[in-house]
Protein backbone atom coordinates (compact mmCIF):
# COMPACT_ATOMS: atom_id res chain seq x y z
CA MET A 1 -0.01 0.01 -0.01
CA LYS A 2 2.89 2.37 0.89
CA HIS A 3 4.48 1.76 -2.58
CA PHE A 4 1.23 2.52 -4.31
CA MET A 5 0.73 5.75 -2.40
CA LEU A 6 4.41 6.77 -3.07
CA LYS A 7 3.90 6.00 -6.81
CA CYS A 8 0.66 8.08 -6.90
CA LEU A 9 2.34 10.94 -5.07
CA PHE A 10 5.34 10.88 -7.45
CA ILE A 11 3.08 10.75 -10.50
CA CYS A 12 0.84 13.61 -9.28
CA SER A 13 3.87 15.79 -8.48
CA ALA A 14 5.46 15.09 -11.87
CA LEU A 15 2.24 15.87 -13.68
CA PHE A 16 1.90 19.12 -11.66
CA ILE A 17 5.43 20.13 -12.61
CA GLY A 18 4.61 19.24 -16.27
CA VAL A 19 1.63 21.48 -16.19
CA LEU A 20 3.64 24.38 -14.79
CA MET A 21 6.32 23.82 -17.39
CA GLY A 22 3.63 23.76 -20.14
CA MET A 23 2.18 27.00 -18.92
CA GLN A 24 5.61 28.65 -18.96
CA LYS A 25 6.22 27.37 -22.56
CA ALA A 26 2.82 28.57 -23.68
CA ASN A 27 3.53 32.00 -22.17
CA GLU A 28 6.81 32.19 -24.02
CA GLY A 29 5.03 31.14 -27.27
CA MET A 30 2.38 33.90 -26.80
CA MET A 31 5.09 36.50 -26.31
CA GLU A 32 6.96 35.35 -29.43
CA MET A 33 3.74 35.33 -31.43
CA LYS A 34 2.83 38.89 -30.35
CA GLY A 35 6.36 40.24 -30.81
CA TYR A 36 6.15 42.54 -27.75
CA GLN A 37 5.97 42.33 -23.99
CA GLU A 38 2.47 42.87 -22.47
CA GLU A 39 1.70 43.40 -18.81
CA GLY A 40 -1.29 40.98 -18.89
CA LEU A 41 0.98 38.08 -19.79
CA LYS A 42 3.02 37.24 -16.80
CA ALA A 43 5.18 34.14 -16.30
CA PRO A 44 3.47 31.38 -14.14
CA ILE A 45 6.69 30.97 -12.07
CA THR A 46 9.05 33.71 -11.15
CA VAL A 47 12.05 33.45 -8.89
CA LYS A 48 14.01 36.61 -7.84
CA GLU A 49 16.83 37.15 -5.39
CA VAL A 50 16.34 40.10 -3.03
CA GLU A 51 19.08 42.49 -1.94
CA ASN A 52 19.68 40.71 1.41
CA GLY A 53 20.27 37.34 -0.20
CA GLU A 54 16.77 35.87 0.28
CA ILE A 55 14.99 34.26 -2.64
CA GLU A 56 11.40 35.26 -3.48
CA ALA A 57 9.26 32.96 -5.61
CA SER A 58 5.87 33.57 -7.21
CA VAL A 59 3.66 30.74 -8.35
CA LEU A 60 0.66 31.85 -10.51
CA GLY A 61 0.95 35.33 -9.15
CA LYS A 62 0.93 34.45 -5.44
CA ASN A 63 4.19 35.09 -3.52
CA VAL A 64 5.60 32.17 -1.62
CA THR A 65 8.32 32.63 0.95
CA SER A 66 9.92 30.38 3.58
CA HIS A 67 8.36 32.60 6.27
CA ASP A 68 4.90 31.74 4.94
CA LEU A 69 5.62 28.04 5.32
CA GLU A 70 6.91 28.55 8.86
CA ALA A 71 3.79 30.55 9.77
CA LYS A 72 1.57 27.81 8.38
CA LYS A 73 3.39 25.11 10.38
CA GLU A 74 2.93 27.12 13.55
CA LYS A 75 -0.74 27.66 12.78
CA LEU A 76 -1.26 23.89 12.31
CA LYS A 77 0.44 23.19 15.59
CA GLU A 78 -1.79 25.65 17.30
CA ILE A 79 -4.94 24.21 15.75
CA LYS A 80 -3.93 20.64 16.76
CA ALA A 81 -6.07 19.22 13.91
CA PHE A 82 -8.04 16.26 15.01
CA ASN A 83 -8.26 13.26 12.57
CA PHE A 84 -11.07 10.91 13.54
CA PHE A 85 -9.78 8.05 11.46
CA SER A 86 -6.34 8.38 12.82
CA SER A 87 -7.43 8.29 16.44
CA LEU A 88 -9.75 5.41 15.64
CA GLY A 89 -6.92 3.46 14.11
CA LYS A 90 -4.62 4.07 17.12
CA THR A 91 -7.41 2.93 19.52
CA MET A 92 -7.98 -0.27 17.54
CA ALA A 93 -4.25 -0.96 17.37
CA ASN A 94 -3.93 -0.57 21.15
CA MET A 95 -6.91 -2.86 21.72
CA ILE A 96 -5.67 -5.57 19.38
CA SER A 97 -2.17 -5.45 20.80
CA SER A 98 -3.50 -5.66 24.39
CA ILE A 99 -5.77 -8.56 23.47
CA THR A 100 -2.97 -10.57 21.77
CA GLU A 101 -0.73 -9.79 24.70
CA LYS A 102 -3.30 -11.24 27.17
CA ILE A 103 -3.75 -14.26 24.91
CA PHE A 104 -0.02 -14.95 24.81
CA ASN A 105 0.22 -14.46 28.65
CA PHE A 106 -2.60 -16.87 29.12
CA PHE A 107 -0.98 -19.62 26.89
CA SER A 108 2.38 -19.05 28.50
CA SER A 109 1.00 -19.44 31.92
CA ILE A 110 -0.65 -22.80 30.90
CA LEU A 111 2.56 -24.16 29.53
């Protein structure tokens, strides 16, 4: 199951990168076809280095920085998202392991 999920994740990420590359190529083609630069046609991905050495990236017009990612991680930690199925799985695993432990203890005490 893990291999299947990893394959799916890899394929989805490869396809997403392919879509972004295709958008970039289409943008370049539109600029070549027009023959001049227009403000309305912006590149889907832009990466710039700022004066202080930090790198700013923009994906589809939305700025992405490492500070944004850190803030999102902090926000997720504060929320402490509750996953019902995860907690249900942990509870079932604990029950099954305790039942099997009791069964082994019972048979070991008989022998």
